[in-house]
Structures are given as C-alpha cells and as structure tokens.
Amino acid sequence: MVRFYFLLVLILSSLNSSSQVIQTFAGNGSMGFGGEGGMATDAPIERPDAIAADRKGNIYIASDINNIIQRIDTNGRIWRFAGTRISGHSGDGGQATAANIAISQGYIGMVIDSIGNLYFSENRRIRKVDTLGFISTIAGNGFNGVSGDGGPATAAELGYVTSLCFDRRGNLLLMDELSARIRMISSAGIITKIAGGGTRYADNARADTVALICGGSMIVDEIGNIYFDAGVPMEYHRIRKIGTSGIITTFAGGGTIFTYCNGCAAHDLRLLTVAGLVVDSSGNIYASESTGNLIHKITPSGEVYHIAGSGNSGFSGDGGPATAADLRQTRICFDKNGALLLADSDNYRCRRITPPFLGIDGILQKELVFRVYPNPLTSNQIEVELESPVSQDAEVIIMSITGTILYRERITTNHHYSIELELTSGLYIVNVSTHSFRKSSIITRE
C-alpha cells in the first residue's frame, strides 16, 4: 500500500513538473550519411534544416547538404525517404527514393498534410511525395520570378521558398524570400498572392499592398491568422501577423530584450533571427531564435515565456531541463503527442522537448481552483469545476494511468461541466490547463 501511494505521488509530481526535459532522438553528433535501417540516435546526419511530423508518429528531416529527406519511424529507426543524394530535378511520377532533388541551401519549406502527403521546397519548385512514396511537382516552372498569379501553380515562377504551411481550408501557403511575397496554392492548383509586392513597410494596412522582407518561417493558427518571420529595413526581425481580414500588424519584436524573459510583452523582445514558428491548439506561438539559441512561447495575449535554450551556442543538457540546454537550432515542430521537436542543425542532431510548456519559467500559478468529483466514481458521470480570477480558455484531458488519452475538450473557467465517460474499474488522471498553468488529479473508478 505504501508503494502504491508513493507511485501516485510520483505520477502527480511528473504531471505538474515545472521543467521540460530535452533529449536527442536522432543524430550522433557527427556530420555524414549512414546507418539506414538502424537506430536514429546512432546515425550520422547532415545538417537537418527542416523537420516535420505526421499523425502516425513518423518524423521527417531534410538536409540541403545531402539533398535528401529522411524518415524516423515510430521505432526510432532512420530511413531515406526522398532523394538519391545527387542534386538535381528528376523522377516525377516515380518513387521519391529514386528521384534527384535539389534542396535550397539554408531554410527549407517542408510540411505534411492531414492525410500524410509531404510537401517540400526545391530550387524554384515545390514537390510532393504522396503516401505511396511517389513524387511529383506541384508548383514552379524552374525559373526565378513572380509571374503566374491567377493561373496554374506549375506554370508560375518562384524564387527561394523558405516556408510552407496549410491554412484551415487546405490551401498551401508559401513564403518566398527572393520575391518577398506570401502566395497561396488552392486545392485546385491555382496560385495567387496574399501578401507583399508593395512599396512601403507598414502595419495596419492590407497585406497585399505592403513591402515585405520575408524570413525563414510561417504558420497559420486554427482561426486562420498567419504569422511569419519578417525583417525590417535597418532593424531587427519581427513576427508579423496577417489577420483574417487581411490586415497586417506586428505581433512580436521591435523591443530591447534580446535574451530570455518570463512575463514580458512580446513587443519588448528584440528578435535577431526567427528560424522556426509553430502554434498549439490554444493559440500559443513558439518561436525559435537561431541567433540567440532560444525558444520563446508567446501567449495569445502577448506574454513571452522562456521554453528552451541557455542562450549559449553549443551542445549540452540532454536529460535535463530544456531551459538550461545549449542549442544551435533552426526549425521546430510538434509531434503527435504534443512534444516539441527541434532540428538542432549545427549540432547534427534532432532533439525532443517534452510538454507541458508552462509560463513564468514553469512555475504553476495558484489562482486556479480545480475540483473533480465524485471520487471514487460510482457511475459514468464526472463533475468538473474550474475557478480563476478571470474567465479564460482551458483544456480538460482525461487519460488512463498509462497515458492513453480518453477524453479531450476545450472549455472556459468559472463554469461547471458534467462529463459522461464510460470507464472500467481502475485509476485515471484528470488534467486541466490554461496558457499559464496546469493541474492534475487522480480519480478512481470503482
């Protein structure tokens, strides 16, 4: 019985932990190619300049040095997914592993759609590898330029596409650094401009009328807002936002704080180079700053928190808190379990940071009152109450003691919720979280 309750204490302690642990899951730190079919942690990898994860748990990394895309399967083994290691453009209609691809140096746009097709940017083209492994070109005629808006994407000129993402309607967005534009490819294959191409660098204007200095990353949240890295003439970078009405504003950057902070305003940050952007289901933005070797979390209300990176360039910290680790990273993404994946490119590794990603340097705030009852449960009805000083969005997750998620729902604090869920006898974890705190409770089903 003592061991049983000690186990419960350990479980709850880990759930409410203030530190996110960082660990390498690919790359042995040496630069090269090899180890196909073996464990990814034993394999040498070239500089991973892009990273993406599918819904099955596979992870994909792309290298401009090797001109290949590799897949790390759910067993942790690494395989060549696309490319022959010969730079070129060939193989459309055949298997991607037999195709020559020419990945642009530096930042690479790579994204996976809802059914598992992978898209990546090649020199002045965008290519697709479908779920059967066949490769095709879906945009770009191979010539540098900006022509083709309003027509087929395959006939359009493209430049240096640094980022790809999908909007909520399934349109593919691309950010082109050379042409300083954001363009959209519809599901019908038609390309149009949605931002850039103007003559002035301005906020609170229509995005398609302003000038842009496009950076390395772009994302779209669940509402349809677009966030992207952008430079400003003679100044540092910003994270800019295009709202659903098409108006562009500055979301973060332009300040004087160039190290990590907790609770400061997003506009107080000085962003040197924003290489990676991702967004979670609550609308929090995560930005990897490759020059400063930091990862920031920015809440929808504009508060900034330190998620990872010591600020030093190097490699250290595996097995410890992510905030103390030395990094030399570029891109980031979430895996299917909500862990933050990092292409630590100049360390020739990929690393994983486990959730939750809490605010105020991970210190839980005490203002949230959380009640779940009855406990033990004698029926399928679970009552949940959340109280906080101000109403805010929250998420309730009910999972088995082994971590299998059985129920997930977005709610609002200061309300009472009745959840009907058929559970067998045993222990279950009820977790509630907002953008700034997280609490958990163990319940028993008799």
Protein backbone atom coordinates (compact mmCIF):
# COMPACT_ATOMS: atom_id res chain seq x y z
CA MET A 1 0.00 0.00 0.00
CA VAL A 2 2.87 2.39 0.80
CA ARG A 3 4.42 1.65 -2.61
CA PHE A 4 1.05 2.26 -4.28
CA TYR A 5 0.66 5.77 -2.83
CA PHE A 6 4.31 6.54 -3.49
CA LEU A 7 3.63 5.72 -7.16
CA LEU A 8 0.69 8.15 -7.20
CA VAL A 9 2.90 10.90 -5.76
CA LEU A 10 5.50 10.28 -8.47
CA ILE A 11 2.86 10.40 -11.20
CA LEU A 12 1.36 13.65 -9.96
CA SER A 13 4.81 15.17 -9.48
CA SER A 14 5.74 14.40 -13.06
CA LEU A 15 2.46 15.79 -14.36
CA ASN A 16 2.92 19.07 -12.53
CA SER A 17 6.66 19.32 -13.10
CA SER A 18 7.98 22.79 -13.81
CA SER A 19 10.74 21.59 -16.15
CA GLN A 20 10.55 20.28 -19.66
CA VAL A 21 13.23 17.66 -20.33
CA ILE A 22 15.26 17.74 -23.54
CA GLN A 23 16.67 14.61 -25.20
CA THR A 24 18.33 13.71 -28.53
CA PHE A 25 16.31 11.34 -30.72
CA ALA A 26 18.35 11.47 -33.94
CA GLY A 27 21.98 12.02 -34.85
CA ASN A 28 25.18 11.01 -33.10
CA GLY A 29 26.77 14.44 -33.42
CA SER A 30 28.89 13.63 -36.46
CA MET A 31 28.28 15.04 -39.91
CA GLY A 32 27.57 12.47 -42.60
CA PHE A 33 25.16 9.94 -44.02
CA GLY A 34 24.76 6.36 -42.91
CA GLY A 35 23.05 3.97 -40.56
CA GLU A 36 19.99 3.44 -42.75
CA GLY A 37 17.65 0.99 -41.07
CA GLY A 38 19.42 1.39 -37.73
CA MET A 39 18.61 3.47 -34.69
CA ALA A 40 18.47 7.18 -35.50
CA THR A 41 20.49 8.07 -32.39
CA ASP A 42 23.42 6.03 -33.75
CA ALA A 43 23.34 7.53 -37.24
CA PRO A 44 25.43 10.43 -38.52
CA ILE A 45 23.20 13.06 -40.11
CA GLU A 46 23.99 16.06 -42.22
CA ARG A 47 22.72 19.45 -41.10
CA PRO A 48 18.94 18.99 -40.54
CA ASP A 49 17.43 22.20 -41.90
CA ALA A 50 13.75 21.22 -41.73
CA ILE A 51 11.66 18.95 -39.54
CA ALA A 52 8.05 17.73 -39.72
CA ALA A 53 5.95 15.01 -38.08
CA ASP A 54 2.91 13.11 -39.33
CA ARG A 55 -0.11 11.90 -37.40
CA LYS A 56 1.22 8.35 -37.17
CA GLY A 57 4.31 9.41 -35.25
CA ASN A 58 6.88 9.36 -38.08
CA ILE A 59 9.34 12.26 -38.16
CA TYR A 60 10.96 13.69 -41.29
CA ILE A 61 14.16 15.71 -41.58
CA ALA A 62 15.62 17.38 -44.67
CA SER A 63 19.22 18.28 -45.43
CA ASP A 64 20.43 20.71 -48.09
CA ILE A 65 23.94 19.20 -47.94
CA ASN A 66 22.87 15.66 -48.81
CA ASN A 67 19.83 16.70 -50.86
CA ILE A 68 17.75 14.06 -49.13
CA ILE A 69 14.77 13.75 -46.82
CA GLN A 70 14.97 11.06 -44.14
CA ARG A 71 12.21 9.43 -42.11
CA ILE A 72 12.49 8.33 -38.50
CA ASP A 73 9.83 5.71 -37.85
CA THR A 74 7.90 5.06 -34.65
CA ASN A 75 10.54 2.52 -33.59
CA GLY A 76 13.27 5.17 -33.77
CA ARG A 77 14.90 3.80 -36.93
CA ILE A 78 16.08 6.08 -39.73
CA TRP A 79 15.42 5.59 -43.46
CA ARG A 80 15.95 7.56 -46.67
CA PHE A 81 12.55 8.88 -47.74
CA ALA A 82 13.33 11.04 -50.80
CA GLY A 83 16.37 11.89 -52.90
CA THR A 84 19.37 10.00 -54.22
CA ARG A 85 21.96 12.39 -52.69
CA ILE A 86 22.55 13.76 -56.20
CA SER A 87 21.45 17.37 -56.64
CA GLY A 88 19.02 17.84 -59.49
CA HIS A 89 15.40 17.70 -60.58
CA SER A 90 14.17 14.37 -61.87
CA GLY A 91 11.94 11.44 -61.11
CA ASP A 92 8.42 12.87 -61.25
CA GLY A 93 5.89 10.05 -61.38
CA GLY A 94 8.27 7.54 -59.79
CA GLN A 95 9.39 6.61 -56.31
CA ALA A 96 10.83 9.53 -54.35
CA THR A 97 13.85 7.48 -53.28
CA ALA A 98 14.89 7.26 -56.97
CA ALA A 99 14.39 10.98 -57.69
CA ASN A 100 17.07 13.64 -57.73
CA ILE A 101 16.10 16.63 -55.63
CA ALA A 102 17.85 19.97 -55.16
CA ILE A 103 17.06 21.42 -51.76
CA SER A 104 17.81 25.11 -51.35
CA GLN A 105 20.69 25.98 -49.06
CA GLY A 106 19.67 27.04 -45.59
CA TYR A 107 16.00 27.12 -44.74
CA ILE A 108 13.74 24.55 -46.37
CA GLY A 109 9.97 24.65 -46.53
CA MET A 110 8.52 21.27 -45.54
CA VAL A 111 5.02 20.37 -44.36
CA ILE A 112 2.73 17.34 -44.13
CA ASP A 113 -0.99 17.48 -44.90
CA SER A 114 -3.79 15.83 -42.94
CA ILE A 115 -3.57 12.53 -44.83
CA GLY A 116 0.21 12.19 -44.77
CA ASN A 117 1.41 13.66 -48.07
CA LEU A 118 4.71 15.51 -47.66
CA TYR A 119 5.49 18.77 -49.48
CA PHE A 120 8.92 20.41 -49.70
CA SER A 121 10.52 23.33 -51.49
CA GLU A 122 13.15 22.65 -54.09
CA ASN A 123 15.05 25.23 -56.13
CA ARG A 124 12.22 27.34 -57.62
CA ARG A 125 9.77 24.45 -57.29
CA ILE A 126 7.55 22.74 -54.75
CA ARG A 127 7.33 18.95 -54.84
CA LYS A 128 5.03 16.42 -53.21
CA VAL A 129 5.64 12.88 -52.01
CA ASP A 130 2.35 11.05 -51.61
CA THR A 131 1.51 8.33 -49.09
CA LEU A 132 2.64 5.63 -51.55
CA GLY A 133 6.05 7.25 -51.96
CA PHE A 134 5.54 8.72 -55.45
CA ILE A 135 6.97 12.17 -56.17
CA SER A 136 5.55 14.98 -58.33
CA THR A 137 5.98 18.72 -58.89
CA ILE A 138 3.01 20.81 -57.82
CA ALA A 139 4.37 24.35 -58.27
CA GLY A 140 7.11 26.21 -60.09
CA ASN A 141 8.39 26.08 -63.65
CA GLY A 142 12.04 26.18 -62.64
CA PHE A 143 12.55 29.88 -63.42
CA ASN A 144 13.10 32.61 -60.84
CA GLY A 145 10.44 35.31 -60.76
CA VAL A 146 6.97 36.33 -59.61
CA SER A 147 4.78 35.64 -62.63
CA GLY A 148 1.83 33.29 -62.77
CA ASP A 149 -0.66 34.62 -60.22
CA GLY A 150 -4.18 33.59 -61.11
CA GLY A 151 -3.02 30.60 -63.14
CA PRO A 152 -1.78 27.04 -62.57
CA ALA A 153 0.90 26.86 -59.90
CA THR A 154 3.01 24.53 -62.06
CA ALA A 155 3.37 27.32 -64.66
CA ALA A 156 4.30 30.02 -62.13
CA GLU A 157 7.74 31.43 -61.45
CA LEU A 158 9.04 31.02 -57.89
CA GLY A 159 12.10 32.18 -56.03
CA TYR A 160 13.57 30.96 -52.75
CA VAL A 161 10.67 29.35 -50.86
CA THR A 162 11.68 29.23 -47.19
CA SER A 163 8.43 28.05 -45.58
CA LEU A 164 5.30 26.06 -46.36
CA CYS A 165 2.13 25.62 -44.30
CA PHE A 166 -1.54 24.77 -44.76
CA ASP A 167 -4.43 27.00 -43.79
CA ARG A 168 -7.63 25.68 -42.26
CA ARG A 169 -9.25 25.31 -45.71
CA GLY A 170 -6.46 23.11 -47.02
CA ASN A 171 -4.76 25.77 -49.16
CA LEU A 172 -0.96 25.58 -49.28
CA LEU A 173 0.78 28.83 -48.32
CA LEU A 174 4.35 29.53 -49.36
CA MET A 175 6.74 32.25 -48.27
CA ASP A 176 9.18 33.32 -50.98
CA GLU A 177 12.24 35.17 -49.69
CA LEU A 178 13.53 36.25 -53.10
CA SER A 179 10.28 37.73 -54.36
CA ALA A 180 9.33 38.97 -50.85
CA ARG A 181 5.82 37.61 -51.14
CA ILE A 182 3.46 35.15 -49.48
CA ARG A 183 1.44 33.22 -52.04
CA MET A 184 -1.31 30.63 -51.84
CA ILE A 185 -1.91 27.49 -53.90
CA SER A 186 -5.56 26.44 -53.79
CA SER A 187 -6.74 22.84 -53.73
CA ALA A 188 -7.44 23.30 -57.45
CA GLY A 189 -3.77 24.15 -58.06
CA ILE A 190 -4.22 27.90 -58.75
CA ILE A 191 -1.61 30.28 -57.31
CA THR A 192 -2.34 33.80 -56.03
CA LYS A 193 -0.55 36.46 -53.98
CA ILE A 194 -1.84 37.21 -50.48
CA ALA A 195 0.93 39.46 -49.10
CA GLY A 196 3.89 41.53 -50.25
CA GLY A 197 4.78 43.17 -53.51
CA GLY A 198 4.04 46.71 -52.33
CA THR A 199 6.30 49.72 -51.85
CA ARG A 200 6.02 50.55 -48.12
CA TYR A 201 6.80 48.73 -44.88
CA ALA A 202 3.70 49.40 -42.83
CA ASP A 203 1.38 47.99 -40.19
CA ASN A 204 -2.41 48.26 -40.14
CA ALA A 205 -2.59 48.07 -43.91
CA ARG A 206 -3.79 45.42 -46.35
CA ALA A 207 -1.12 42.73 -46.51
CA ASP A 208 -1.19 42.61 -50.31
CA THR A 209 -0.28 46.31 -50.55
CA VAL A 210 2.85 46.39 -48.36
CA ALA A 211 6.50 45.54 -48.94
CA LEU A 212 7.98 42.60 -47.04
CA ILE A 213 11.37 41.24 -46.10
CA CYS A 214 10.49 37.58 -45.74
CA GLY A 215 12.39 35.42 -43.28
CA GLY A 216 12.51 31.72 -42.51
CA SER A 217 9.19 30.53 -41.12
CA MET A 218 5.42 30.90 -41.35
CA ILE A 219 2.40 29.29 -39.66
CA VAL A 220 -1.39 29.55 -39.62
CA ASP A 221 -3.43 29.17 -36.43
CA GLU A 222 -6.80 27.43 -36.10
CA ILE A 223 -8.68 30.68 -36.64
CA GLY A 224 -6.87 31.48 -39.87
CA ASN A 225 -4.38 34.14 -38.74
CA ILE A 226 -1.00 33.95 -40.48
CA TYR A 227 2.22 34.54 -38.50
CA PHE A 228 5.59 34.87 -40.20
CA ASP A 229 9.16 35.98 -39.66
CA ALA A 230 9.95 39.30 -41.34
CA GLY A 231 12.81 41.73 -41.38
CA VAL A 232 12.50 45.50 -41.14
CA PRO A 233 14.88 47.79 -43.10
CA MET A 234 17.93 48.70 -40.99
CA GLU A 235 16.39 46.97 -37.94
CA TYR A 236 15.91 43.54 -36.36
CA HIS A 237 13.33 40.91 -37.20
CA ARG A 238 9.69 40.89 -36.21
CA ILE A 239 6.95 38.28 -36.07
CA ARG A 240 4.18 39.79 -38.13
CA LYS A 241 0.55 38.75 -38.27
CA ILE A 242 -1.99 38.81 -41.08
CA GLY A 243 -5.47 38.66 -39.59
CA THR A 244 -8.46 37.00 -41.20
CA SER A 245 -9.47 40.40 -42.60
CA GLY A 246 -6.16 40.65 -44.48
CA ILE A 247 -4.69 43.43 -42.32
CA ILE A 248 -1.02 43.11 -41.33
CA THR A 249 0.32 44.04 -37.88
CA THR A 250 3.40 43.36 -35.75
CA PHE A 251 2.84 40.56 -33.23
CA ALA A 252 6.27 40.38 -31.58
CA GLY A 253 9.65 42.05 -31.77
CA GLY A 254 10.90 45.60 -32.01
CA GLY A 255 11.97 45.93 -28.36
CA THR A 256 15.24 45.88 -26.45
CA ILE A 257 15.20 42.50 -24.63
CA PHE A 258 17.45 40.16 -26.58
CA THR A 259 17.76 37.38 -24.01
CA TYR A 260 15.06 35.22 -22.48
CA CYS A 261 12.30 36.67 -20.32
CA ASN A 262 9.23 35.48 -18.45
CA GLY A 263 6.05 37.50 -18.47
CA CYS A 264 7.40 40.35 -20.59
CA ALA A 265 5.46 41.77 -23.53
CA ALA A 266 6.07 40.34 -26.99
CA HIS A 267 6.78 43.81 -28.36
CA ASP A 268 9.61 44.20 -25.82
CA LEU A 269 11.60 41.39 -27.43
CA ARG A 270 14.48 42.09 -29.78
CA LEU A 271 14.40 39.21 -32.26
CA LEU A 272 17.58 38.59 -34.19
CA THR A 273 16.60 35.70 -36.46
CA VAL A 274 13.36 33.74 -36.12
CA ALA A 275 14.05 30.44 -37.84
CA GLY A 276 11.09 28.40 -36.64
CA LEU A 277 7.47 29.08 -35.75
CA VAL A 278 4.76 26.68 -34.56
CA VAL A 279 1.36 27.16 -32.93
CA ASP A 280 -0.51 24.93 -30.48
CA SER A 281 -4.25 24.31 -30.20
CA SER A 282 -4.60 27.08 -27.61
CA GLY A 283 -3.12 29.69 -29.96
CA ASN A 284 0.27 29.95 -28.24
CA ILE A 285 3.10 30.74 -30.66
CA TYR A 286 6.53 29.12 -30.22
CA ALA A 287 9.46 30.89 -31.86
CA SER A 288 12.97 29.50 -32.18
CA GLU A 289 15.54 32.24 -32.39
CA SER A 290 18.56 30.62 -34.00
CA THR A 291 20.97 33.52 -33.47
CA GLY A 292 20.14 33.75 -29.77
CA ASN A 293 19.74 29.97 -29.43
CA LEU A 294 16.47 30.37 -27.52
CA ILE A 295 12.90 29.20 -27.88
CA HIS A 296 10.14 31.54 -26.73
CA LYS A 297 6.48 30.86 -26.05
CA ILE A 298 4.16 33.80 -26.81
CA THR A 299 0.61 33.60 -25.50
CA PRO A 300 -2.39 34.97 -27.43
CA SER A 301 -2.42 37.91 -25.01
CA GLY A 302 1.18 38.75 -25.95
CA GLU A 303 3.12 37.46 -22.93
CA VAL A 304 6.51 35.83 -23.52
CA TYR A 305 7.95 32.85 -21.62
CA HIS A 306 11.27 31.02 -21.82
CA ILE A 307 10.81 27.46 -23.11
CA ALA A 308 14.29 26.27 -24.10
CA GLY A 309 17.88 27.28 -24.62
CA SER A 310 20.50 28.72 -22.30
CA GLY A 311 21.37 31.42 -24.82
CA ASN A 312 24.76 29.81 -25.46
CA SER A 313 25.73 28.25 -28.78
CA GLY A 314 26.79 24.64 -28.28
CA PHE A 315 25.56 21.21 -27.33
CA SER A 316 24.68 20.25 -23.78
CA GLY A 317 21.79 19.47 -21.48
CA ASP A 318 20.37 16.14 -22.65
CA GLY A 319 18.33 14.57 -19.86
CA GLY A 320 17.92 17.88 -18.04
CA PRO A 321 15.68 20.94 -18.23
CA ALA A 322 15.37 22.39 -21.72
CA THR A 323 15.84 25.92 -20.42
CA ALA A 324 19.43 25.09 -19.40
CA ALA A 325 20.45 23.33 -22.63
CA ASP A 326 22.90 24.74 -25.17
CA LEU A 327 21.45 24.76 -28.70
CA ARG A 328 22.40 25.54 -32.27
CA GLN A 329 18.98 25.07 -33.82
CA THR A 330 16.81 26.11 -36.72
CA ARG A 331 13.34 24.67 -37.23
CA ILE A 332 10.76 23.30 -34.79
CA CYS A 333 7.52 21.33 -34.98
CA PHE A 334 5.13 19.40 -32.73
CA ASP A 335 4.83 15.64 -32.83
CA LYS A 336 1.53 13.80 -32.48
CA ASN A 337 1.87 13.72 -28.68
CA GLY A 338 2.49 17.45 -28.30
CA ALA A 339 6.25 17.24 -27.76
CA LEU A 340 8.31 20.00 -29.35
CA LEU A 341 10.80 18.66 -31.90
CA LEU A 342 13.91 20.64 -32.69
CA ALA A 343 16.24 20.40 -35.67
CA ASP A 344 19.46 21.27 -33.84
CA SER A 345 21.13 21.69 -37.17
CA ASP A 346 24.70 22.77 -36.43
CA ASN A 347 24.91 20.08 -33.73
CA TYR A 348 23.91 17.47 -36.36
CA ARG A 349 21.15 16.22 -34.11
CA CYS A 350 17.40 16.37 -33.62
CA ARG A 351 16.07 16.80 -30.11
CA ARG A 352 12.73 16.44 -28.34
CA ILE A 353 11.35 18.63 -25.56
CA THR A 354 8.57 17.04 -23.55
CA PRO A 355 5.43 19.00 -22.63
CA PRO A 356 3.81 20.73 -20.77
CA PHE A 357 5.19 24.13 -21.84
CA LEU A 358 4.21 26.28 -18.87
CA GLY A 359 4.52 30.00 -18.29
CA ILE A 360 6.56 32.07 -15.81
CA ASP A 361 9.54 29.76 -16.20
CA GLY A 362 7.31 26.77 -15.48
CA ILE A 363 6.12 27.91 -12.04
CA LEU A 364 2.48 26.95 -11.55
CA GLN A 365 0.22 29.76 -10.54
CA LYS A 366 -2.09 29.14 -7.58
CA GLU A 367 -5.11 31.13 -8.68
CA LEU A 368 -6.79 28.20 -10.44
CA VAL A 369 -9.19 26.23 -8.26
CA PHE A 370 -9.83 22.78 -9.71
CA ARG A 371 -12.45 20.32 -8.42
CA VAL A 372 -13.30 16.93 -9.85
CA TYR A 373 -15.86 14.71 -8.13
CA PRO A 374 -17.20 12.29 -7.04
CA ASN A 375 -14.04 10.41 -6.22
CA PRO A 376 -14.23 7.46 -6.29
CA LEU A 377 -16.61 7.36 -9.26
CA THR A 378 -19.62 5.10 -8.96
CA SER A 379 -21.16 6.00 -12.35
CA ASN A 380 -20.11 7.31 -15.78
CA GLN A 381 -20.73 10.95 -14.74
CA ILE A 382 -17.68 13.10 -13.87
CA GLU A 383 -18.19 16.62 -12.50
CA VAL A 384 -15.51 19.26 -13.15
CA GLU A 385 -15.35 22.81 -11.79
CA LEU A 386 -12.70 25.43 -12.65
CA GLU A 387 -12.43 28.81 -10.96
CA SER A 388 -9.96 31.57 -11.80
CA PRO A 389 -9.75 35.34 -11.19
CA VAL A 390 -10.76 35.99 -14.81
CA SER A 391 -12.54 33.70 -17.26
CA GLN A 392 -10.17 32.11 -19.73
CA ASP A 393 -9.96 29.20 -22.12
CA ALA A 394 -8.85 25.87 -20.68
CA GLU A 395 -8.47 22.28 -21.77
CA VAL A 396 -9.60 19.18 -19.92
CA ILE A 397 -7.90 15.86 -20.65
CA ILE A 398 -8.83 12.54 -19.07
CA MET A 399 -6.33 9.74 -19.56
CA SER A 400 -5.56 6.27 -18.34
CA ILE A 401 -2.79 5.77 -15.80
CA THR A 402 -0.55 4.65 -18.69
CA GLY A 403 -1.08 7.94 -20.54
CA THR A 404 -3.68 6.96 -23.15
CA ILE A 405 -5.96 9.96 -23.79
CA LEU A 406 -9.64 9.03 -23.41
CA TYR A 407 -11.26 12.47 -23.45
CA ARG A 408 -10.17 15.96 -24.54
CA GLU A 409 -12.28 19.11 -24.59
CA ARG A 410 -11.80 22.89 -24.74
CA ILE A 411 -13.78 24.68 -22.01
CA THR A 412 -13.92 28.00 -20.15
CA THR A 413 -13.07 28.58 -16.49
CA ASN A 414 -15.71 29.64 -13.94
CA HIS A 415 -18.19 27.09 -15.25
CA HIS A 416 -19.41 23.69 -14.12
CA TYR A 417 -19.07 20.78 -16.52
CA SER A 418 -20.59 17.32 -16.46
CA ILE A 419 -18.66 14.76 -18.49
CA GLU A 420 -20.15 11.40 -19.33
CA LEU A 421 -17.45 8.83 -19.99
CA GLU A 422 -17.64 5.07 -19.76
CA LEU A 423 -14.66 3.89 -17.71
CA THR A 424 -13.70 0.48 -16.43
CA SER A 425 -12.51 -0.04 -12.87
CA GLY A 426 -9.10 1.49 -12.16
CA LEU A 427 -7.15 4.76 -11.82
CA TYR A 428 -7.45 7.73 -14.19
CA ILE A 429 -5.77 11.13 -14.48
CA VAL A 430 -7.80 14.32 -14.99
CA ASN A 431 -5.65 17.21 -16.25
CA VAL A 432 -6.71 20.84 -16.74
CA SER A 433 -4.53 23.53 -18.31
CA THR A 434 -4.68 27.12 -19.49
CA HIS A 435 -1.99 29.15 -21.24
CA SER A 436 -0.26 29.81 -17.91
CA PHE A 437 -0.90 26.90 -15.54
CA ARG A 438 -1.70 23.22 -15.34
CA LYS A 439 -3.10 20.95 -12.62
CA SER A 440 -3.88 17.26 -12.38
CA SER A 441 -5.83 14.91 -10.16
CA ILE A 442 -6.06 11.13 -9.79
CA ILE A 443 -9.56 9.64 -9.69
CA THR A 444 -10.70 6.09 -9.07
CA ARG A 445 -13.45 4.27 -10.92
CA GLU A 446 -14.93 1.57 -8.69
